[in-house]
Each structure stands twice: as C-alpha cells, then as structure tokens.
ModelCIF file with pLDDT and N, C-alpha, C, O atoms, coordinates in Angstrom:
data_MODEL
#
_entry.id   MODEL 
#
_entity.id                         1 
_entity.type                       polymer 
_entity.pdbx_number_of_molecules   1 
#
_entity_poly.entity_id                      1 
_entity_poly.type                           'polypeptide(L)' 
_entity_poly.nstd_linkage                   no 
_entity_poly.nstd_monomer                   no 
_entity_poly.pdbx_seq_one_letter_code       KEAPLDISNVAITKDDKTPLRVSFQGEKKDKVRVVKVNGKIEK 
_entity_poly.pdbx_seq_one_letter_code_can   KEAPLDISNVAITKDDKTPLRVSFQGEKKDKVRVVKVNGKIEK 
_entity_poly.pdbx_strand_id                 A 
#
loop_
_entity_poly_seq.entity_id 
_entity_poly_seq.num 
_entity_poly_seq.mon_id 
_entity_poly_seq.hetero 
1 1  LYS n 
1 2  GLU n 
1 3  ALA n 
1 4  PRO n 
1 5  LEU n 
1 6  ASP n 
1 7  ILE n 
1 8  SER n 
1 9  ASN n 
1 10 VAL n 
1 11 ALA n 
1 12 ILE n 
1 13 THR n 
1 14 LYS n 
1 15 ASP n 
1 16 ASP n 
1 17 LYS n 
1 18 THR n 
1 19 PRO n 
1 20 LEU n 
1 21 ARG n 
1 22 VAL n 
1 23 SER n 
1 24 PHE n 
1 25 GLN n 
1 26 GLY n 
1 27 GLU n 
1 28 LYS n 
1 29 LYS n 
1 30 ASP n 
1 31 LYS n 
1 32 VAL n 
1 33 ARG n 
1 34 VAL n 
1 35 VAL n 
1 36 LYS n 
1 37 VAL n 
1 38 ASN n 
1 39 GLY n 
1 40 LYS n 
1 41 ILE n 
1 42 GLU n 
1 43 LYS n 
#
_struct_asym.id          A 
_struct_asym.entity_id   1 
#
loop_
_ma_qa_metric.id 
_ma_qa_metric.mode 
_ma_qa_metric.name 
_ma_qa_metric.software_group_id 
_ma_qa_metric.type 
1 global pLDDT . pLDDT 
2 local  pLDDT . pLDDT 
#
_ma_qa_metric_global.metric_id      1 
_ma_qa_metric_global.metric_value   88.42 
_ma_qa_metric_global.model_id       1 
_ma_qa_metric_global.ordinal_id     1 
#
loop_
_ma_qa_metric_local.label_asym_id 
_ma_qa_metric_local.label_comp_id 
_ma_qa_metric_local.label_seq_id 
_ma_qa_metric_local.metric_id 
_ma_qa_metric_local.metric_value 
_ma_qa_metric_local.model_id 
_ma_qa_metric_local.ordinal_id 
A LYS 1  2 93.00 1 1  
A GLU 2  2 95.00 1 2  
A ALA 3  2 96.00 1 3  
A PRO 4  2 96.00 1 4  
A LEU 5  2 95.00 1 5  
A ASP 6  2 95.00 1 6  
A ILE 7  2 94.00 1 7  
A SER 8  2 93.00 1 8  
A ASN 9  2 95.00 1 9  
A VAL 10 2 95.00 1 10 
A ALA 11 2 94.00 1 11 
A ILE 12 2 93.00 1 12 
A THR 13 2 92.00 1 13 
A LYS 14 2 88.00 1 14 
A ASP 15 2 87.00 1 15 
A ASP 16 2 87.00 1 16 
A LYS 17 2 89.00 1 17 
A THR 18 2 90.00 1 18 
A PRO 19 2 91.00 1 19 
A LEU 20 2 90.00 1 20 
A ARG 21 2 89.00 1 21 
A VAL 22 2 89.00 1 22 
A SER 23 2 88.00 1 23 
A PHE 24 2 88.00 1 24 
A GLN 25 2 88.00 1 25 
A GLY 26 2 87.00 1 26 
A GLU 27 2 86.00 1 27 
A LYS 28 2 83.00 1 28 
A LYS 29 2 84.00 1 29 
A ASP 30 2 86.00 1 30 
A LYS 31 2 86.00 1 31 
A VAL 32 2 88.00 1 32 
A ARG 33 2 88.00 1 33 
A VAL 34 2 90.00 1 34 
A VAL 35 2 87.00 1 35 
A LYS 36 2 82.00 1 36 
A VAL 37 2 82.00 1 37 
A ASN 38 2 78.00 1 38 
A GLY 39 2 76.00 1 39 
A LYS 40 2 80.00 1 40 
A ILE 41 2 83.00 1 41 
A GLU 42 2 82.00 1 42 
A LYS 43 2 84.00 1 43 
#
loop_
_atom_site.group_PDB 
_atom_site.id 
_atom_site.type_symbol 
_atom_site.label_atom_id 
_atom_site.label_alt_id 
_atom_site.label_comp_id 
_atom_site.label_asym_id 
_atom_site.label_entity_id 
_atom_site.label_seq_id 
_atom_site.pdbx_PDB_ins_code 
_atom_site.Cartn_x 
_atom_site.Cartn_y 
_atom_site.Cartn_z 
_atom_site.occupancy 
_atom_site.B_iso_or_equiv 
_atom_site.pdbx_formal_charge 
_atom_site.auth_seq_id 
_atom_site.auth_comp_id 
_atom_site.auth_asym_id 
_atom_site.auth_atom_id 
_atom_site.pdbx_PDB_model_num 
ATOM 1   N N  . LYS A 1 1  ? 0.751   -1.091 -0.145  1.00 93.00 ? 1  LYS A N  1 
ATOM 2   C CA . LYS A 1 1  ? 0.195   0.034  -0.262  1.00 93.00 ? 1  LYS A CA 1 
ATOM 3   C C  . LYS A 1 1  ? 1.102   1.329  0.275   1.00 93.00 ? 1  LYS A C  1 
ATOM 4   O O  . LYS A 1 1  ? 2.241   1.388  0.740   1.00 93.00 ? 1  LYS A O  1 
ATOM 5   N N  . GLU A 1 2  ? 0.027   2.398  -0.014  1.00 95.00 ? 2  GLU A N  1 
ATOM 6   C CA . GLU A 1 2  ? 1.203   3.596  0.080   1.00 95.00 ? 2  GLU A CA 1 
ATOM 7   C C  . GLU A 1 2  ? 0.885   3.886  1.412   1.00 95.00 ? 2  GLU A C  1 
ATOM 8   O O  . GLU A 1 2  ? -0.048  3.606  2.164   1.00 95.00 ? 2  GLU A O  1 
ATOM 9   N N  . ALA A 1 3  ? 2.269   4.738  1.516   1.00 96.00 ? 3  ALA A N  1 
ATOM 10  C CA . ALA A 1 3  ? 2.305   5.301  2.723   1.00 96.00 ? 3  ALA A CA 1 
ATOM 11  C C  . ALA A 1 3  ? 2.419   7.075  2.427   1.00 96.00 ? 3  ALA A C  1 
ATOM 12  O O  . ALA A 1 3  ? 2.647   7.463  1.281   1.00 96.00 ? 3  ALA A O  1 
ATOM 13  N N  . PRO A 1 4  ? 2.235   8.085  3.589   1.00 96.00 ? 4  PRO A N  1 
ATOM 14  C CA . PRO A 1 4  ? 1.660   9.015  3.375   1.00 96.00 ? 4  PRO A CA 1 
ATOM 15  C C  . PRO A 1 4  ? 3.837   9.424  3.260   1.00 96.00 ? 4  PRO A C  1 
ATOM 16  O O  . PRO A 1 4  ? 4.801   8.743  3.610   1.00 96.00 ? 4  PRO A O  1 
ATOM 17  N N  . LEU A 1 5  ? 3.707   11.140 2.454   1.00 95.00 ? 5  LEU A N  1 
ATOM 18  C CA . LEU A 1 5  ? 4.590   11.892 2.475   1.00 95.00 ? 5  LEU A CA 1 
ATOM 19  C C  . LEU A 1 5  ? 4.539   12.915 2.851   1.00 95.00 ? 5  LEU A C  1 
ATOM 20  O O  . LEU A 1 5  ? 3.418   13.374 2.628   1.00 95.00 ? 5  LEU A O  1 
ATOM 21  N N  . ASP A 1 6  ? 5.163   13.587 3.332   1.00 95.00 ? 6  ASP A N  1 
ATOM 22  C CA . ASP A 1 6  ? 5.269   15.187 4.142   1.00 95.00 ? 6  ASP A CA 1 
ATOM 23  C C  . ASP A 1 6  ? 4.889   16.073 2.648   1.00 95.00 ? 6  ASP A C  1 
ATOM 24  O O  . ASP A 1 6  ? 5.258   15.746 1.519   1.00 95.00 ? 6  ASP A O  1 
ATOM 25  N N  . ILE A 1 7  ? 4.167   17.103 2.967   1.00 94.00 ? 7  ILE A N  1 
ATOM 26  C CA . ILE A 1 7  ? 3.371   17.617 1.803   1.00 94.00 ? 7  ILE A CA 1 
ATOM 27  C C  . ILE A 1 7  ? 4.656   18.155 1.632   1.00 94.00 ? 7  ILE A C  1 
ATOM 28  O O  . ILE A 1 7  ? 5.014   17.281 0.842   1.00 94.00 ? 7  ILE A O  1 
ATOM 29  N N  . SER A 1 8  ? 5.409   18.706 1.703   1.00 93.00 ? 8  SER A N  1 
ATOM 30  C CA . SER A 1 8  ? 6.655   19.764 1.110   1.00 93.00 ? 8  SER A CA 1 
ATOM 31  C C  . SER A 1 8  ? 7.311   19.108 0.385   1.00 93.00 ? 8  SER A C  1 
ATOM 32  O O  . SER A 1 8  ? 8.168   19.706 -0.266  1.00 93.00 ? 8  SER A O  1 
ATOM 33  N N  . ASN A 1 9  ? 7.153   17.460 0.193   1.00 95.00 ? 9  ASN A N  1 
ATOM 34  C CA . ASN A 1 9  ? 7.791   16.622 -0.588  1.00 95.00 ? 9  ASN A CA 1 
ATOM 35  C C  . ASN A 1 9  ? 7.121   16.385 -1.925  1.00 95.00 ? 9  ASN A C  1 
ATOM 36  O O  . ASN A 1 9  ? 7.562   15.478 -2.630  1.00 95.00 ? 9  ASN A O  1 
ATOM 37  N N  . VAL A 1 10 ? 6.227   17.021 -2.289  1.00 95.00 ? 10 VAL A N  1 
ATOM 38  C CA . VAL A 1 10 ? 5.475   16.838 -3.363  1.00 95.00 ? 10 VAL A CA 1 
ATOM 39  C C  . VAL A 1 10 ? 5.007   18.567 -4.361  1.00 95.00 ? 10 VAL A C  1 
ATOM 40  O O  . VAL A 1 10 ? 5.123   19.720 -3.944  1.00 95.00 ? 10 VAL A O  1 
ATOM 41  N N  . ALA A 1 11 ? 4.673   18.251 -5.243  1.00 94.00 ? 11 ALA A N  1 
ATOM 42  C CA . ALA A 1 11 ? 4.572   19.875 -6.046  1.00 94.00 ? 11 ALA A CA 1 
ATOM 43  C C  . ALA A 1 11 ? 3.548   19.658 -7.029  1.00 94.00 ? 11 ALA A C  1 
ATOM 44  O O  . ALA A 1 11 ? 3.519   18.431 -7.123  1.00 94.00 ? 11 ALA A O  1 
ATOM 45  N N  . ILE A 1 12 ? 2.697   20.124 -7.813  1.00 93.00 ? 12 ILE A N  1 
ATOM 46  C CA . ILE A 1 12 ? 1.802   20.350 -8.102  1.00 93.00 ? 12 ILE A CA 1 
ATOM 47  C C  . ILE A 1 12 ? 2.504   20.067 -9.345  1.00 93.00 ? 12 ILE A C  1 
ATOM 48  O O  . ILE A 1 12 ? 3.693   20.371 -9.439  1.00 93.00 ? 12 ILE A O  1 
ATOM 49  N N  . THR A 1 13 ? 1.813   19.451 -10.417 1.00 92.00 ? 13 THR A N  1 
ATOM 50  C CA . THR A 1 13 ? 2.651   19.297 -11.835 1.00 92.00 ? 13 THR A CA 1 
ATOM 51  C C  . THR A 1 13 ? 1.328   19.654 -12.910 1.00 92.00 ? 13 THR A C  1 
ATOM 52  O O  . THR A 1 13 ? 0.288   19.567 -12.258 1.00 92.00 ? 13 THR A O  1 
ATOM 53  N N  . LYS A 1 14 ? 1.103   19.956 -14.078 1.00 88.00 ? 14 LYS A N  1 
ATOM 54  C CA . LYS A 1 14 ? 0.531   20.140 -15.253 1.00 88.00 ? 14 LYS A CA 1 
ATOM 55  C C  . LYS A 1 14 ? 0.904   18.745 -16.386 1.00 88.00 ? 14 LYS A C  1 
ATOM 56  O O  . LYS A 1 14 ? 0.042   18.092 -16.976 1.00 88.00 ? 14 LYS A O  1 
ATOM 57  N N  . ASP A 1 15 ? 2.453   18.521 -16.482 1.00 87.00 ? 15 ASP A N  1 
ATOM 58  C CA . ASP A 1 15 ? 3.221   17.631 -17.566 1.00 87.00 ? 15 ASP A CA 1 
ATOM 59  C C  . ASP A 1 15 ? 3.902   16.439 -17.384 1.00 87.00 ? 15 ASP A C  1 
ATOM 60  O O  . ASP A 1 15 ? 4.479   15.707 -18.189 1.00 87.00 ? 15 ASP A O  1 
ATOM 61  N N  . ASP A 1 16 ? 3.686   16.351 -15.833 1.00 87.00 ? 16 ASP A N  1 
ATOM 62  C CA . ASP A 1 16 ? 4.449   14.999 -14.936 1.00 87.00 ? 16 ASP A CA 1 
ATOM 63  C C  . ASP A 1 16 ? 5.143   15.275 -15.288 1.00 87.00 ? 16 ASP A C  1 
ATOM 64  O O  . ASP A 1 16 ? 5.277   14.394 -16.138 1.00 87.00 ? 16 ASP A O  1 
ATOM 65  N N  . LYS A 1 17 ? 6.637   16.463 -15.547 1.00 89.00 ? 17 LYS A N  1 
ATOM 66  C CA . LYS A 1 17 ? 8.004   16.541 -15.674 1.00 89.00 ? 17 LYS A CA 1 
ATOM 67  C C  . LYS A 1 17 ? 8.690   17.646 -14.392 1.00 89.00 ? 17 LYS A C  1 
ATOM 68  O O  . LYS A 1 17 ? 9.645   17.419 -13.649 1.00 89.00 ? 17 LYS A O  1 
ATOM 69  N N  . THR A 1 18 ? 7.681   19.070 -14.479 1.00 90.00 ? 18 THR A N  1 
ATOM 70  C CA . THR A 1 18 ? 8.196   20.059 -14.201 1.00 90.00 ? 18 THR A CA 1 
ATOM 71  C C  . THR A 1 18 ? 7.325   20.563 -13.199 1.00 90.00 ? 18 THR A C  1 
ATOM 72  O O  . THR A 1 18 ? 6.099   20.615 -13.296 1.00 90.00 ? 18 THR A O  1 
ATOM 73  N N  . PRO A 1 19 ? 8.088   20.974 -12.126 1.00 91.00 ? 19 PRO A N  1 
ATOM 74  C CA . PRO A 1 19 ? 6.739   21.337 -10.643 1.00 91.00 ? 19 PRO A CA 1 
ATOM 75  C C  . PRO A 1 19 ? 6.601   22.621 -11.218 1.00 91.00 ? 19 PRO A C  1 
ATOM 76  O O  . PRO A 1 19 ? 7.294   23.210 -12.047 1.00 91.00 ? 19 PRO A O  1 
ATOM 77  N N  . LEU A 1 20 ? 5.280   23.029 -10.447 1.00 90.00 ? 20 LEU A N  1 
ATOM 78  C CA . LEU A 1 20 ? 5.175   24.000 -10.361 1.00 90.00 ? 20 LEU A CA 1 
ATOM 79  C C  . LEU A 1 20 ? 4.749   24.848 -9.131  1.00 90.00 ? 20 LEU A C  1 
ATOM 80  O O  . LEU A 1 20 ? 4.611   24.176 -8.109  1.00 90.00 ? 20 LEU A O  1 
ATOM 81  N N  . ARG A 1 21 ? 4.514   26.159 -9.009  1.00 89.00 ? 21 ARG A N  1 
ATOM 82  C CA . ARG A 1 21 ? 4.465   26.821 -7.638  1.00 89.00 ? 21 ARG A CA 1 
ATOM 83  C C  . ARG A 1 21 ? 2.975   27.410 -7.071  1.00 89.00 ? 21 ARG A C  1 
ATOM 84  O O  . ARG A 1 21 ? 2.638   28.389 -7.736  1.00 89.00 ? 21 ARG A O  1 
ATOM 85  N N  . VAL A 1 22 ? 2.267   27.154 -6.301  1.00 89.00 ? 22 VAL A N  1 
ATOM 86  C CA . VAL A 1 22 ? 1.161   27.993 -6.442  1.00 89.00 ? 22 VAL A CA 1 
ATOM 87  C C  . VAL A 1 22 ? 0.660   28.598 -5.278  1.00 89.00 ? 22 VAL A C  1 
ATOM 88  O O  . VAL A 1 22 ? 0.834   28.342 -4.086  1.00 89.00 ? 22 VAL A O  1 
ATOM 89  N N  . SER A 1 23 ? -0.094  29.580 -5.951  1.00 88.00 ? 23 SER A N  1 
ATOM 90  C CA . SER A 1 23 ? -0.792  31.134 -4.955  1.00 88.00 ? 23 SER A CA 1 
ATOM 91  C C  . SER A 1 23 ? -2.069  30.615 -4.855  1.00 88.00 ? 23 SER A C  1 
ATOM 92  O O  . SER A 1 23 ? -2.602  29.579 -5.254  1.00 88.00 ? 23 SER A O  1 
ATOM 93  N N  . PHE A 1 24 ? -2.587  31.985 -3.964  1.00 88.00 ? 24 PHE A N  1 
ATOM 94  C CA . PHE A 1 24 ? -3.895  31.981 -4.075  1.00 88.00 ? 24 PHE A CA 1 
ATOM 95  C C  . PHE A 1 24 ? -4.225  33.568 -4.389  1.00 88.00 ? 24 PHE A C  1 
ATOM 96  O O  . PHE A 1 24 ? -3.685  34.393 -3.652  1.00 88.00 ? 24 PHE A O  1 
ATOM 97  N N  . GLN A 1 25 ? -5.233  34.114 -5.631  1.00 88.00 ? 25 GLN A N  1 
ATOM 98  C CA . GLN A 1 25 ? -5.293  35.056 -5.521  1.00 88.00 ? 25 GLN A CA 1 
ATOM 99  C C  . GLN A 1 25 ? -6.747  35.337 -4.948  1.00 88.00 ? 25 GLN A C  1 
ATOM 100 O O  . GLN A 1 25 ? -7.579  34.435 -4.849  1.00 88.00 ? 25 GLN A O  1 
ATOM 101 N N  . GLY A 1 26 ? -7.035  36.869 -4.517  1.00 87.00 ? 26 GLY A N  1 
ATOM 102 C CA . GLY A 1 26 ? -8.396  36.868 -4.567  1.00 87.00 ? 26 GLY A CA 1 
ATOM 103 C C  . GLY A 1 26 ? -8.879  36.701 -2.917  1.00 87.00 ? 26 GLY A C  1 
ATOM 104 O O  . GLY A 1 26 ? -8.348  35.692 -2.454  1.00 87.00 ? 26 GLY A O  1 
ATOM 105 N N  . GLU A 1 27 ? -9.545  37.252 -2.134  1.00 86.00 ? 27 GLU A N  1 
ATOM 106 C CA . GLU A 1 27 ? -9.885  37.339 -0.833  1.00 86.00 ? 27 GLU A CA 1 
ATOM 107 C C  . GLU A 1 27 ? -11.400 36.866 -0.263  1.00 86.00 ? 27 GLU A C  1 
ATOM 108 O O  . GLU A 1 27 ? -12.172 37.823 -0.202  1.00 86.00 ? 27 GLU A O  1 
ATOM 109 N N  . LYS A 1 28 ? -11.734 36.125 -0.016  1.00 83.00 ? 28 LYS A N  1 
ATOM 110 C CA . LYS A 1 28 ? -12.293 35.612 1.117   1.00 83.00 ? 28 LYS A CA 1 
ATOM 111 C C  . LYS A 1 28 ? -13.616 34.541 -0.031  1.00 83.00 ? 28 LYS A C  1 
ATOM 112 O O  . LYS A 1 28 ? -13.300 33.352 0.016   1.00 83.00 ? 28 LYS A O  1 
ATOM 113 N N  . LYS A 1 29 ? -14.629 34.738 -0.748  1.00 84.00 ? 29 LYS A N  1 
ATOM 114 C CA . LYS A 1 29 ? -15.379 33.702 -1.658  1.00 84.00 ? 29 LYS A CA 1 
ATOM 115 C C  . LYS A 1 29 ? -14.394 33.936 -3.025  1.00 84.00 ? 29 LYS A C  1 
ATOM 116 O O  . LYS A 1 29 ? -14.391 32.918 -3.716  1.00 84.00 ? 29 LYS A O  1 
ATOM 117 N N  . ASP A 1 30 ? -13.849 34.650 -3.388  1.00 86.00 ? 30 ASP A N  1 
ATOM 118 C CA . ASP A 1 30 ? -12.954 35.079 -4.916  1.00 86.00 ? 30 ASP A CA 1 
ATOM 119 C C  . ASP A 1 30 ? -11.427 34.134 -4.679  1.00 86.00 ? 30 ASP A C  1 
ATOM 120 O O  . ASP A 1 30 ? -10.770 33.921 -5.698  1.00 86.00 ? 30 ASP A O  1 
ATOM 121 N N  . LYS A 1 31 ? -11.029 33.724 -3.672  1.00 86.00 ? 31 LYS A N  1 
ATOM 122 C CA . LYS A 1 31 ? -10.296 32.955 -3.452  1.00 86.00 ? 31 LYS A CA 1 
ATOM 123 C C  . LYS A 1 31 ? -9.989  32.118 -4.588  1.00 86.00 ? 31 LYS A C  1 
ATOM 124 O O  . LYS A 1 31 ? -10.860 31.471 -5.169  1.00 86.00 ? 31 LYS A O  1 
ATOM 125 N N  . VAL A 1 32 ? -8.398  32.117 -5.018  1.00 88.00 ? 32 VAL A N  1 
ATOM 126 C CA . VAL A 1 32 ? -8.978  30.697 -5.891  1.00 88.00 ? 32 VAL A CA 1 
ATOM 127 C C  . VAL A 1 32 ? -7.039  30.612 -6.329  1.00 88.00 ? 32 VAL A C  1 
ATOM 128 O O  . VAL A 1 32 ? -6.331  31.616 -6.407  1.00 88.00 ? 32 VAL A O  1 
ATOM 129 N N  . ARG A 1 33 ? -6.527  29.107 -6.562  1.00 88.00 ? 33 ARG A N  1 
ATOM 130 C CA . ARG A 1 33 ? -5.572  28.856 -6.423  1.00 88.00 ? 33 ARG A CA 1 
ATOM 131 C C  . ARG A 1 33 ? -5.283  29.314 -7.990  1.00 88.00 ? 33 ARG A C  1 
ATOM 132 O O  . ARG A 1 33 ? -6.166  29.384 -8.845  1.00 88.00 ? 33 ARG A O  1 
ATOM 133 N N  . VAL A 1 34 ? -4.042  29.579 -8.183  1.00 90.00 ? 34 VAL A N  1 
ATOM 134 C CA . VAL A 1 34 ? -3.205  29.764 -9.688  1.00 90.00 ? 34 VAL A CA 1 
ATOM 135 C C  . VAL A 1 34 ? -1.497  29.524 -9.416  1.00 90.00 ? 34 VAL A C  1 
ATOM 136 O O  . VAL A 1 34 ? -0.835  29.696 -8.392  1.00 90.00 ? 34 VAL A O  1 
ATOM 137 N N  . VAL A 1 35 ? -1.052  28.999 -10.943 1.00 87.00 ? 35 VAL A N  1 
ATOM 138 C CA . VAL A 1 35 ? 0.570   28.852 -11.222 1.00 87.00 ? 35 VAL A CA 1 
ATOM 139 C C  . VAL A 1 35 ? 0.712   29.677 -12.156 1.00 87.00 ? 35 VAL A C  1 
ATOM 140 O O  . VAL A 1 35 ? 0.084   29.969 -13.174 1.00 87.00 ? 35 VAL A O  1 
ATOM 141 N N  . LYS A 1 36 ? 1.638   30.012 -11.655 1.00 82.00 ? 36 LYS A N  1 
ATOM 142 C CA . LYS A 1 36 ? 2.699   30.827 -12.784 1.00 82.00 ? 36 LYS A CA 1 
ATOM 143 C C  . LYS A 1 36 ? 3.367   30.258 -13.733 1.00 82.00 ? 36 LYS A C  1 
ATOM 144 O O  . LYS A 1 36 ? 4.484   29.818 -13.463 1.00 82.00 ? 36 LYS A O  1 
ATOM 145 N N  . VAL A 1 37 ? 2.907   30.150 -14.895 1.00 82.00 ? 37 VAL A N  1 
ATOM 146 C CA . VAL A 1 37 ? 3.546   28.819 -16.594 1.00 82.00 ? 37 VAL A CA 1 
ATOM 147 C C  . VAL A 1 37 ? 4.064   29.716 -16.783 1.00 82.00 ? 37 VAL A C  1 
ATOM 148 O O  . VAL A 1 37 ? 3.498   30.733 -16.383 1.00 82.00 ? 37 VAL A O  1 
ATOM 149 N N  . ASN A 1 38 ? 5.262   29.864 -17.406 1.00 78.00 ? 38 ASN A N  1 
ATOM 150 C CA . ASN A 1 38 ? 5.737   30.416 -18.526 1.00 78.00 ? 38 ASN A CA 1 
ATOM 151 C C  . ASN A 1 38 ? 5.757   31.876 -18.472 1.00 78.00 ? 38 ASN A C  1 
ATOM 152 O O  . ASN A 1 38 ? 5.984   32.498 -19.510 1.00 78.00 ? 38 ASN A O  1 
ATOM 153 N N  . GLY A 1 39 ? 5.477   32.677 -17.029 1.00 76.00 ? 39 GLY A N  1 
ATOM 154 C CA . GLY A 1 39 ? 4.976   34.351 -17.035 1.00 76.00 ? 39 GLY A CA 1 
ATOM 155 C C  . GLY A 1 39 ? 3.937   34.534 -17.137 1.00 76.00 ? 39 GLY A C  1 
ATOM 156 O O  . GLY A 1 39 ? 3.442   35.632 -16.881 1.00 76.00 ? 39 GLY A O  1 
ATOM 157 N N  . LYS A 1 40 ? 3.227   33.461 -17.566 1.00 80.00 ? 40 LYS A N  1 
ATOM 158 C CA . LYS A 1 40 ? 1.670   33.864 -17.362 1.00 80.00 ? 40 LYS A CA 1 
ATOM 159 C C  . LYS A 1 40 ? 0.973   33.169 -16.082 1.00 80.00 ? 40 LYS A C  1 
ATOM 160 O O  . LYS A 1 40 ? 1.371   32.207 -15.426 1.00 80.00 ? 40 LYS A O  1 
ATOM 161 N N  . ILE A 1 41 ? -0.376  34.078 -15.908 1.00 83.00 ? 41 ILE A N  1 
ATOM 162 C CA . ILE A 1 41 ? -1.018  33.374 -14.490 1.00 83.00 ? 41 ILE A CA 1 
ATOM 163 C C  . ILE A 1 41 ? -1.832  32.376 -14.710 1.00 83.00 ? 41 ILE A C  1 
ATOM 164 O O  . ILE A 1 41 ? -1.987  32.847 -15.837 1.00 83.00 ? 41 ILE A O  1 
ATOM 165 N N  . GLU A 1 42 ? -2.478  31.481 -14.719 1.00 82.00 ? 42 GLU A N  1 
ATOM 166 C CA . GLU A 1 42 ? -3.134  30.398 -14.892 1.00 82.00 ? 42 GLU A CA 1 
ATOM 167 C C  . GLU A 1 42 ? -4.551  29.957 -14.075 1.00 82.00 ? 42 GLU A C  1 
ATOM 168 O O  . GLU A 1 42 ? -4.152  28.975 -13.449 1.00 82.00 ? 42 GLU A O  1 
ATOM 169 N N  . LYS A 1 43 ? -5.401  30.058 -13.868 1.00 84.00 ? 43 LYS A N  1 
ATOM 170 C CA . LYS A 1 43 ? -5.925  29.100 -13.246 1.00 84.00 ? 43 LYS A CA 1 
ATOM 171 C C  . LYS A 1 43 ? -5.648  27.998 -13.070 1.00 84.00 ? 43 LYS A C  1 
ATOM 172 O O  . LYS A 1 43 ? -6.383  27.277 -12.394 1.00 84.00 ? 43 LYS A O  1 
#
C-alpha cells in the first residue's frame, strides 16, 4: 500500500515533468489557486 509523504516533498505539475508553484489570488469567496507558467498566471 501507499504510505503518507510530507506535503513539502510534492509539487503540483501539469505535464508530469516540471513542478509548479501555487499561490492564491483574491479574498474570501473570490479566493482561487493559481500557478505561474511561462510568465503567465493560470487558474
């Protein structure tokens, strides 16, 4: 079975190769997760 990993040892990816950094934009109800890819901000 799979054992737990520390959350700091994983990073979100889109293409299974490059790790991406995640941040939040907006406040309260408008808060969404975004990533910066090639200088562009994507939801």
